[in-house]
Amino acid sequence: MIIMTQILNVKPKKRKEFIQTICDLMVPFRKINGCINLHCYQSIEDQSSFILISKWKTQADMDAYMKSDEFEVLQGAKTLLKGHMEQKFDVVSFSSRL
């Protein structure tokens, strides 16, 4: 499983536009082949700070997502950010619930 974490700091005046863009993309994102889940979280300390976490079955699934129209729309939303989007990728080979 691949976990992609994206940290986004949105321009305060563009916050509502960003939220609408993300809300419009959530359902199509989750329908992409190999998407286990996708969640967007907003900081309680800074309303302009968001974390987008997506989980993918395989590297190939995530690569296909990164070539999708939905990902292009997300990339276009970069104009709403205060700075660069930070991205982190984790490969999980074993996961357990207690």
C-alpha atoms as a PDB file:
ATOM      1  CA  MET A   1       0.000   0.000   0.000  1.00  0.00           C
ATOM      2  CA  ILE A   2       1.175   3.511  -0.809  1.00  0.00           C
ATOM      3  CA  ILE A   3       0.111   6.446   1.357  1.00  0.00           C
ATOM      4  CA  MET A   4       0.393   9.905  -0.180  1.00  0.00           C
ATOM      5  CA  THR A   5       0.190  12.837   2.228  1.00  0.00           C
ATOM      6  CA  GLN A   6      -0.141  16.339   0.814  1.00  0.00           C
ATOM      7  CA  ILE A   7       0.132  19.392   3.066  1.00  0.00           C
ATOM      8  CA  LEU A   8      -1.523  22.456   1.627  1.00  0.00           C
ATOM      9  CA  ASN A   9      -1.550  26.002   2.990  1.00  0.00           C
ATOM     10  CA  VAL A  10      -4.270  27.952   1.239  1.00  0.00           C
ATOM     11  CA  LYS A  11      -4.439  31.716   0.807  1.00  0.00           C
ATOM     12  CA  PRO A  12      -7.031  32.855   3.388  1.00  0.00           C
ATOM     13  CA  LYS A  13      -9.164  34.628   0.768  1.00  0.00           C
ATOM     14  CA  LYS A  14      -9.156  31.472  -1.408  1.00  0.00           C
ATOM     15  CA  ARG A  15     -10.149  29.043   1.372  1.00  0.00           C
ATOM     16  CA  LYS A  16     -13.810  28.664   0.335  1.00  0.00           C
ATOM     17  CA  GLU A  17     -12.807  28.135  -3.309  1.00  0.00           C
ATOM     18  CA  PHE A  18     -10.276  25.487  -2.272  1.00  0.00           C
ATOM     19  CA  ILE A  19     -12.815  23.652  -0.096  1.00  0.00           C
ATOM     20  CA  GLN A  20     -15.333  23.637  -2.964  1.00  0.00           C
ATOM     21  CA  THR A  21     -12.699  22.259  -5.363  1.00  0.00           C
ATOM     22  CA  ILE A  22     -11.735  19.476  -2.943  1.00  0.00           C
ATOM     23  CA  CYS A  23     -15.388  18.614  -2.220  1.00  0.00           C
ATOM     24  CA  ASP A  24     -16.082  18.358  -5.970  1.00  0.00           C
ATOM     25  CA  LEU A  25     -13.114  15.987  -6.387  1.00  0.00           C
ATOM     26  CA  MET A  26     -13.651  13.617  -3.456  1.00  0.00           C
ATOM     27  CA  VAL A  27     -16.154  11.245  -5.116  1.00  0.00           C
ATOM     28  CA  PRO A  28     -14.294  11.011  -8.467  1.00  0.00           C
ATOM     29  CA  PHE A  29     -10.975  10.458  -6.630  1.00  0.00           C
ATOM     30  CA  ARG A  30     -12.408   7.584  -4.625  1.00  0.00           C
ATOM     31  CA  LYS A  31     -13.652   5.897  -7.816  1.00  0.00           C
ATOM     32  CA  ILE A  32     -10.176   5.761  -9.375  1.00  0.00           C
ATOM     33  CA  ASN A  33      -8.940   2.188  -9.692  1.00  0.00           C
ATOM     34  CA  GLY A  34      -6.749   1.213  -6.746  1.00  0.00           C
ATOM     35  CA  CYS A  35      -7.869   4.012  -4.405  1.00  0.00           C
ATOM     36  CA  ILE A  36      -8.377   2.509  -0.947  1.00  0.00           C
ATOM     37  CA  ASN A  37      -9.508   5.799   0.568  1.00  0.00           C
ATOM     38  CA  LEU A  38      -9.039   9.545   0.475  1.00  0.00           C
ATOM     39  CA  HIS A  39      -9.578  12.081   3.246  1.00  0.00           C
ATOM     40  CA  CYS A  40      -9.064  15.806   3.612  1.00  0.00           C
ATOM     41  CA  TYR A  41      -8.460  17.348   7.032  1.00  0.00           C
ATOM     42  CA  GLN A  42      -8.382  20.973   8.116  1.00  0.00           C
ATOM     43  CA  SER A  43      -6.199  22.181  10.989  1.00  0.00           C
ATOM     44  CA  ILE A  44      -8.094  23.426  14.035  1.00  0.00           C
ATOM     45  CA  GLU A  45      -5.232  25.839  14.731  1.00  0.00           C
ATOM     46  CA  ASP A  46      -4.955  27.312  11.219  1.00  0.00           C
ATOM     47  CA  GLN A  47      -8.081  27.255   9.044  1.00  0.00           C
ATOM     48  CA  SER A  48      -5.926  27.772   5.949  1.00  0.00           C
ATOM     49  CA  SER A  49      -3.936  24.569   6.522  1.00  0.00           C
ATOM     50  CA  PHE A  50      -5.159  21.261   5.049  1.00  0.00           C
ATOM     51  CA  ILE A  51      -3.849  17.708   4.810  1.00  0.00           C
ATOM     52  CA  LEU A  52      -4.974  15.444   1.982  1.00  0.00           C
ATOM     53  CA  ILE A  53      -4.251  11.746   2.619  1.00  0.00           C
ATOM     54  CA  SER A  54      -4.830   9.107  -0.040  1.00  0.00           C
ATOM     55  CA  LYS A  55      -4.115   5.384   0.172  1.00  0.00           C
ATOM     56  CA  TRP A  56      -3.392   3.276  -2.928  1.00  0.00           C
ATOM     57  CA  LYS A  57      -3.206  -0.475  -3.414  1.00  0.00           C
ATOM     58  CA  THR A  58      -0.091  -0.303  -5.590  1.00  0.00           C
ATOM     59  CA  GLN A  59       2.473   2.122  -6.945  1.00  0.00           C
ATOM     60  CA  ALA A  60       0.985   1.600 -10.429  1.00  0.00           C
ATOM     61  CA  ASP A  61      -2.460   2.650  -9.145  1.00  0.00           C
ATOM     62  CA  MET A  62      -1.044   5.836  -7.637  1.00  0.00           C
ATOM     63  CA  ASP A  63       0.945   6.563 -10.803  1.00  0.00           C
ATOM     64  CA  ALA A  64      -2.250   6.222 -12.881  1.00  0.00           C
ATOM     65  CA  TYR A  65      -4.012   8.618 -10.493  1.00  0.00           C
ATOM     66  CA  MET A  66      -1.209  11.149 -10.917  1.00  0.00           C
ATOM     67  CA  LYS A  67      -1.911  11.104 -14.682  1.00  0.00           C
ATOM     68  CA  SER A  68      -5.694  11.479 -14.255  1.00  0.00           C
ATOM     69  CA  ASP A  69      -7.881  14.488 -15.024  1.00  0.00           C
ATOM     70  CA  GLU A  70      -8.803  14.723 -11.343  1.00  0.00           C
ATOM     71  CA  PHE A  71      -5.152  15.066 -10.346  1.00  0.00           C
ATOM     72  CA  GLU A  72      -4.735  17.792 -12.987  1.00  0.00           C
ATOM     73  CA  VAL A  73      -7.598  19.720 -11.380  1.00  0.00           C
ATOM     74  CA  LEU A  74      -5.900  19.364  -7.994  1.00  0.00           C
ATOM     75  CA  GLN A  75      -2.635  20.582  -9.514  1.00  0.00           C
ATOM     76  CA  GLY A  76      -4.530  23.570 -10.927  1.00  0.00           C
ATOM     77  CA  ALA A  77      -5.682  24.406  -7.394  1.00  0.00           C
ATOM     78  CA  LYS A  78      -2.045  25.226  -6.568  1.00  0.00           C
ATOM     79  CA  THR A  79      -2.845  28.827  -7.541  1.00  0.00           C
ATOM     80  CA  LEU A  80      -4.935  28.964  -4.335  1.00  0.00           C
ATOM     81  CA  LEU A  81      -1.956  28.068  -2.128  1.00  0.00           C
ATOM     82  CA  LYS A  82       0.269  30.387  -0.087  1.00  0.00           C
ATOM     83  CA  GLY A  83       3.357  28.378  -0.971  1.00  0.00           C
ATOM     84  CA  HIS A  84       4.437  25.017  -2.296  1.00  0.00           C
ATOM     85  CA  MET A  85       2.447  21.866  -1.661  1.00  0.00           C
ATOM     86  CA  GLU A  86       4.469  19.471   0.483  1.00  0.00           C
ATOM     87  CA  GLN A  87       4.130  15.820  -0.555  1.00  0.00           C
ATOM     88  CA  LYS A  88       5.215  12.725   1.326  1.00  0.00           C
ATOM     89  CA  PHE A  89       4.987   9.095   0.188  1.00  0.00           C
ATOM     90  CA  ASP A  90       5.042   6.084   2.502  1.00  0.00           C
ATOM     91  CA  VAL A  91       5.136   2.430   1.451  1.00  0.00           C
ATOM     92  CA  VAL A  92       3.386   0.114   3.904  1.00  0.00           C
ATOM     93  CA  SER A  93       4.108  -3.582   3.603  1.00  0.00           C
ATOM     94  CA  PHE A  94       2.279  -4.646   6.743  1.00  0.00           C
ATOM     95  CA  SER A  95      -0.647  -3.150   8.650  1.00  0.00           C
ATOM     96  CA  SER A  96      -2.515  -4.473  11.677  1.00  0.00           C
ATOM     97  CA  ARG A  97      -5.496  -3.394  13.742  1.00  0.00           C
ATOM     98  CA  LEU A  98      -5.828  -4.246  17.407  1.00  0.00           C
END
